[in-house]
């Protein structure tokens, strides 16, 4: 309990600091605008009595929610630890009975809490827009929104790591690259297999090295596409409960690895 208390204190400070950031207000307004634009696209698609306009509103709004949540997580996360170091406030925090690992975990929990509140607000805006478009609010939709938040937790972990390891601008760029590549990781393994296949029965060094490199990226990069249930929620596909459960486990393990790496880098960092 004595170890948990300072971590929660850091988390509370990180929550309040991030909650005051105007990027969250801009995030909510941007989502409202995106939902409005999706209605324009749905109107342009025509009202022929089909469910197509409803699906357009749902798909575009849910995609905008994911994108805006990712941008906010990266923007807030990559500056969270760096700002403490720049302001020298990290010294007063670490002077208390808290390890550098506890400091990193506290920052992660604080930002996760802020994004949880933001996710609730954004989900409320999305659900209202989707209901107005004639959509049905079912369990598939809530499961999709839950996995979007889990995806944002992974992105926060990536942002925290680069906040410790790099300058905020560089960290933001790296985090965006990882977030974008994270939705393409499944194709990296297939691409490597294709390279080997085209190289013939006796592939050369270049083909084998390319396959190993792509497989390495496949293992290291987060597979963010695991958390994408937009097709299930909007287009009525069957809900893969097993996949959803394993996706949560995958996220927990990946976040734990990221926090461990962040702690290792932070311990070696000269303040």
Protein backbone atom coordinates (compact mmCIF):
# COMPACT_ATOMS: atom_id res chain seq x y z
CA UNK A 1 0.00 0.00 0.00
CA UNK A 2 2.90 2.34 0.80
CA UNK A 3 4.26 1.72 -2.70
CA UNK A 4 0.91 2.24 -4.38
CA UNK A 5 0.15 5.57 -2.70
CA UNK A 6 2.91 7.66 -4.39
CA UNK A 7 2.07 6.08 -7.77
CA UNK A 8 -1.56 7.14 -7.36
CA UNK A 9 -0.40 10.61 -6.32
CA UNK A 10 1.62 10.95 -9.54
CA UNK A 11 -1.37 9.57 -11.50
CA UNK A 12 -3.65 12.16 -9.91
CA UNK A 13 -1.29 15.00 -10.79
CA UNK A 14 -0.92 13.71 -14.35
CA UNK A 15 -4.71 13.44 -14.65
CA UNK A 16 -5.28 17.03 -13.54
CA UNK A 17 -2.45 18.36 -15.71
CA UNK A 18 -3.70 16.56 -18.82
CA UNK A 19 -7.35 17.39 -18.14
CA UNK A 20 -6.52 21.11 -18.24
CA UNK A 21 -4.99 20.77 -21.68
CA UNK A 22 -7.10 22.44 -24.34
CA UNK A 23 -6.41 19.63 -26.78
CA UNK A 24 -9.20 17.62 -25.13
CA UNK A 25 -11.71 20.40 -25.77
CA UNK A 26 -10.55 20.64 -29.38
CA UNK A 27 -10.83 16.86 -29.60
CA UNK A 28 -14.49 16.88 -28.65
CA UNK A 29 -15.32 19.75 -31.00
CA UNK A 30 -13.45 18.03 -33.84
CA UNK A 31 -15.49 14.86 -33.29
CA UNK A 32 -18.75 16.84 -33.39
CA UNK A 33 -17.59 18.39 -36.67
CA UNK A 34 -16.62 14.96 -38.03
CA UNK A 35 -20.05 13.57 -37.15
CA UNK A 36 -21.67 16.54 -38.91
CA UNK A 37 -19.55 15.94 -42.01
CA UNK A 38 -20.53 12.26 -41.97
CA UNK A 39 -24.19 13.33 -42.13
CA UNK A 40 -23.36 15.38 -45.24
CA UNK A 41 -21.76 12.33 -46.85
CA UNK A 42 -24.76 10.23 -45.88
CA UNK A 43 -27.10 12.82 -47.39
CA UNK A 44 -25.04 12.85 -50.59
CA UNK A 45 -25.33 9.05 -50.73
CA UNK A 46 -29.09 9.47 -51.02
CA UNK A 47 -32.03 8.37 -48.95
CA UNK A 48 -33.28 5.43 -50.97
CA UNK A 49 -34.57 3.64 -47.89
CA UNK A 50 -31.46 1.47 -47.55
CA UNK A 51 -29.19 1.33 -44.53
CA UNK A 52 -26.26 2.79 -46.49
CA UNK A 53 -26.49 6.36 -45.07
CA UNK A 54 -26.61 4.98 -41.52
CA UNK A 55 -23.52 2.87 -42.17
CA UNK A 56 -21.70 5.85 -43.66
CA UNK A 57 -22.39 7.94 -40.55
CA UNK A 58 -21.35 5.09 -38.27
CA UNK A 59 -18.20 4.16 -40.14
CA UNK A 60 -16.90 7.70 -40.67
CA UNK A 61 -17.74 8.82 -37.12
CA UNK A 62 -16.15 5.75 -35.54
CA UNK A 63 -13.04 6.17 -37.71
CA UNK A 64 -12.84 9.85 -36.71
CA UNK A 65 -13.17 8.90 -33.03
CA UNK A 66 -10.28 6.44 -33.33
CA UNK A 67 -8.07 8.89 -35.23
CA UNK A 68 -8.73 11.84 -32.92
CA UNK A 69 -8.25 9.69 -29.83
CA UNK A 70 -4.91 8.48 -31.21
CA UNK A 71 -3.77 12.05 -31.98
CA UNK A 72 -4.72 13.24 -28.48
CA UNK A 73 -3.00 10.26 -26.81
CA UNK A 74 0.22 10.91 -28.72
CA UNK A 75 0.12 14.68 -28.24
CA UNK A 76 -0.41 14.41 -24.48
CA UNK A 77 1.73 11.33 -23.89
CA UNK A 78 4.91 12.39 -25.68
CA UNK A 79 5.21 15.58 -23.63
CA UNK A 80 4.13 14.19 -20.25
CA UNK A 81 7.50 13.09 -18.85
CA UNK A 82 9.62 15.52 -20.89
CA UNK A 83 7.80 18.53 -19.45
CA UNK A 84 8.52 17.34 -15.91
CA UNK A 85 12.21 17.15 -16.76
CA UNK A 86 12.24 20.55 -18.50
CA UNK A 87 10.46 22.25 -15.58
CA UNK A 88 12.73 20.47 -13.08
CA UNK A 89 9.62 19.38 -11.16
CA UNK A 90 10.71 15.77 -11.62
CA UNK A 91 13.34 16.26 -8.92
CA UNK A 92 10.79 17.18 -6.25
CA UNK A 93 8.68 14.19 -7.22
CA UNK A 94 11.55 11.69 -7.25
CA UNK A 95 12.81 13.09 -3.94
CA UNK A 96 9.77 11.43 -2.37
CA UNK A 97 9.57 7.68 -1.72
CA UNK A 98 8.80 6.71 -5.32
CA UNK A 99 10.95 4.89 -7.85
CA UNK A 100 11.42 5.98 -11.44
CA UNK A 101 9.35 2.97 -12.47
CA UNK A 102 6.54 4.09 -10.19
CA UNK A 103 6.78 7.57 -11.70
CA UNK A 104 6.36 6.17 -15.23
CA UNK A 105 3.45 3.95 -14.18
CA UNK A 106 1.77 6.88 -12.44
CA UNK A 107 2.05 9.02 -15.57
CA UNK A 108 0.56 6.21 -17.65
CA UNK A 109 -2.37 5.72 -15.24
CA UNK A 110 -3.07 9.45 -15.12
CA UNK A 111 -3.19 9.83 -18.88
CA UNK A 112 -5.18 6.59 -19.21
CA UNK A 113 -7.74 8.08 -16.82
CA UNK A 114 -7.97 11.34 -18.79
CA UNK A 115 -8.41 9.49 -22.07
CA UNK A 116 -11.00 7.28 -20.40
CA UNK A 117 -13.09 10.35 -19.56
CA UNK A 118 -12.49 11.76 -23.05
CA UNK A 119 -13.49 8.41 -24.54
CA UNK A 120 -16.76 8.45 -22.58
CA UNK A 121 -17.57 11.93 -23.87
CA UNK A 122 -16.62 11.07 -27.44
CA UNK A 123 -18.58 7.83 -27.28
CA UNK A 124 -21.62 9.79 -26.09
CA UNK A 125 -21.33 12.16 -29.07
CA UNK A 126 -20.89 9.24 -31.45
CA UNK A 127 -23.83 7.25 -30.05
CA UNK A 128 -26.14 10.28 -30.32
CA UNK A 129 -25.07 10.88 -33.92
CA UNK A 130 -25.44 7.21 -34.80
CA UNK A 131 -28.87 6.99 -33.19
CA UNK A 132 -30.02 10.12 -35.04
CA UNK A 133 -28.89 8.48 -38.27
CA UNK A 134 -31.16 5.52 -37.53
CA UNK A 135 -28.53 3.13 -36.19
CA UNK A 136 -29.18 0.46 -33.56
CA UNK A 137 -27.22 0.74 -30.31
CA UNK A 138 -26.30 -2.88 -29.63
CA UNK A 139 -23.64 -4.81 -27.76
CA UNK A 140 -21.46 -4.96 -30.89
CA UNK A 141 -21.19 -1.18 -30.88
CA UNK A 142 -20.23 -0.94 -27.21
CA UNK A 143 -17.66 -3.72 -27.65
CA UNK A 144 -16.13 -1.82 -30.58
CA UNK A 145 -15.92 1.37 -28.50
CA UNK A 146 -14.35 -0.57 -25.62
CA UNK A 147 -11.64 -1.98 -27.87
CA UNK A 148 -10.95 1.48 -29.28
CA UNK A 149 -10.14 2.58 -25.73
CA UNK A 150 -7.89 -0.47 -25.29
CA UNK A 151 -6.12 0.53 -28.51
CA UNK A 152 -5.64 4.04 -27.14
CA UNK A 153 -4.06 2.55 -24.01
CA UNK A 154 -1.48 0.83 -26.22
CA UNK A 155 -0.85 4.12 -28.04
CA UNK A 156 -0.44 5.88 -24.69
CA UNK A 157 2.16 3.26 -23.72
CA UNK A 158 4.04 3.93 -26.97
CA UNK A 159 3.83 7.69 -26.39
CA UNK A 160 5.09 7.38 -22.80
CA UNK A 161 8.07 5.33 -24.02
CA UNK A 162 9.05 7.96 -26.60
CA UNK A 163 8.41 10.72 -24.05
CA UNK A 164 11.15 9.14 -21.92
CA UNK A 165 13.47 8.22 -24.79
CA UNK A 166 13.23 11.24 -27.12
CA UNK A 167 12.32 14.91 -27.54
CA UNK A 168 8.53 15.52 -27.74
CA UNK A 169 8.64 16.44 -31.45
CA UNK A 170 10.69 13.38 -32.33
CA UNK A 171 8.61 11.26 -29.98
CA UNK A 172 5.39 12.43 -31.61
CA UNK A 173 6.72 11.57 -35.07
CA UNK A 174 7.89 8.13 -33.95
CA UNK A 175 4.60 7.48 -32.17
CA UNK A 176 2.58 8.44 -35.26
CA UNK A 177 4.72 6.15 -37.40
CA UNK A 178 4.19 3.27 -34.97
CA UNK A 179 0.44 3.97 -34.77
CA UNK A 180 0.12 4.00 -38.56
CA UNK A 181 2.32 0.93 -39.02
CA UNK A 182 0.41 -0.80 -36.21
CA UNK A 183 -2.60 -1.15 -38.50
CA UNK A 184 -0.46 -2.79 -41.18
CA UNK A 185 1.58 -5.25 -39.12
CA UNK A 186 -0.51 -8.25 -40.17
CA UNK A 187 0.50 -7.64 -43.80
CA UNK A 188 4.23 -7.49 -42.97
CA UNK A 189 4.40 -11.21 -42.26
CA UNK A 190 2.53 -12.00 -45.47
CA UNK A 191 4.81 -9.65 -47.41
CA UNK A 192 7.87 -11.50 -46.14
CA UNK A 193 6.38 -14.83 -47.17
CA UNK A 194 5.63 -13.40 -50.61
CA UNK A 195 9.23 -12.24 -51.01
CA UNK A 196 10.48 -15.76 -50.21
CA UNK A 197 7.93 -17.33 -52.53
CA UNK A 198 8.93 -15.13 -55.46
CA UNK A 199 12.61 -15.81 -54.78
CA UNK A 200 12.04 -19.44 -55.71
CA UNK A 201 13.14 -22.69 -54.06
CA UNK A 202 16.65 -21.35 -53.41
CA UNK A 203 16.17 -17.80 -52.05
CA UNK A 204 19.24 -15.66 -51.79
CA UNK A 205 20.59 -13.75 -48.81
CA UNK A 206 18.65 -10.58 -49.70
CA UNK A 207 15.30 -12.40 -49.80
CA UNK A 208 15.92 -14.23 -46.51
CA UNK A 209 17.16 -11.05 -44.81
CA UNK A 210 14.10 -9.14 -46.03
CA UNK A 211 11.81 -11.86 -44.71
CA UNK A 212 13.53 -11.85 -41.31
CA UNK A 213 13.44 -8.05 -41.14
CA UNK A 214 9.72 -7.90 -41.95
CA UNK A 215 9.01 -10.66 -39.46
CA UNK A 216 10.96 -8.72 -36.82
CA UNK A 217 8.83 -5.66 -37.46
CA UNK A 218 5.73 -7.86 -37.27
CA UNK A 219 6.77 -9.04 -33.81
CA UNK A 220 7.97 -5.70 -32.43
CA UNK A 221 5.26 -3.35 -33.71
CA UNK A 222 1.86 -3.39 -32.00
CA UNK A 223 -0.90 -5.06 -33.99
CA UNK A 224 -3.49 -2.30 -33.60
CA UNK A 225 -5.78 -3.87 -36.19
CA UNK A 226 -6.70 -6.46 -33.54
CA UNK A 227 -8.80 -3.77 -31.87
CA UNK A 228 -10.69 -2.75 -35.02
CA UNK A 229 -14.29 -3.96 -34.78
CA UNK A 230 -15.85 -1.26 -36.93
CA UNK A 231 -16.99 -3.82 -39.49
CA UNK A 232 -18.59 -5.89 -36.76
CA UNK A 233 -20.31 -2.92 -35.14
CA UNK A 234 -21.51 -1.07 -38.24
CA UNK A 235 -21.96 -3.71 -40.91
CA UNK A 236 -23.45 -6.45 -38.74
CA UNK A 237 -20.63 -9.00 -38.96
CA UNK A 238 -20.42 -11.74 -36.34
CA UNK A 239 -18.80 -10.58 -33.11
CA UNK A 240 -15.59 -12.58 -32.47
CA UNK A 241 -15.76 -12.79 -28.67
CA UNK A 242 -12.63 -14.94 -28.47
CA UNK A 243 -10.64 -12.49 -30.57
CA UNK A 244 -11.88 -9.57 -28.47
CA UNK A 245 -10.82 -11.29 -25.24
CA UNK A 246 -7.37 -12.21 -26.54
CA UNK A 247 -6.96 -8.66 -27.85
CA UNK A 248 -7.35 -7.32 -24.31
CA UNK A 249 -4.77 -9.82 -23.04
CA UNK A 250 -2.43 -8.88 -25.90
CA UNK A 251 -2.81 -5.18 -25.04
CA UNK A 252 -2.08 -5.80 -21.35
CA UNK A 253 1.12 -7.73 -22.14
CA UNK A 254 2.27 -5.18 -24.72
CA UNK A 255 1.63 -2.25 -22.36
CA UNK A 256 3.52 -4.03 -19.56
CA UNK A 257 6.52 -4.50 -21.89
CA UNK A 258 6.37 -0.83 -22.96
CA UNK A 259 6.26 0.38 -19.34
CA UNK A 260 9.15 -1.92 -18.43
CA UNK A 261 11.22 -0.55 -21.33
CA UNK A 262 10.25 3.03 -20.41
CA UNK A 263 11.36 2.40 -16.83
CA UNK A 264 14.67 0.93 -18.02
CA UNK A 265 15.37 3.95 -20.25
CA UNK A 266 14.28 6.42 -17.55
CA UNK A 267 16.57 4.79 -14.97
CA UNK A 268 19.53 5.18 -17.32
CA UNK A 269 18.58 8.78 -18.16
CA UNK A 270 20.78 11.46 -16.61
CA UNK A 271 18.48 14.19 -15.23
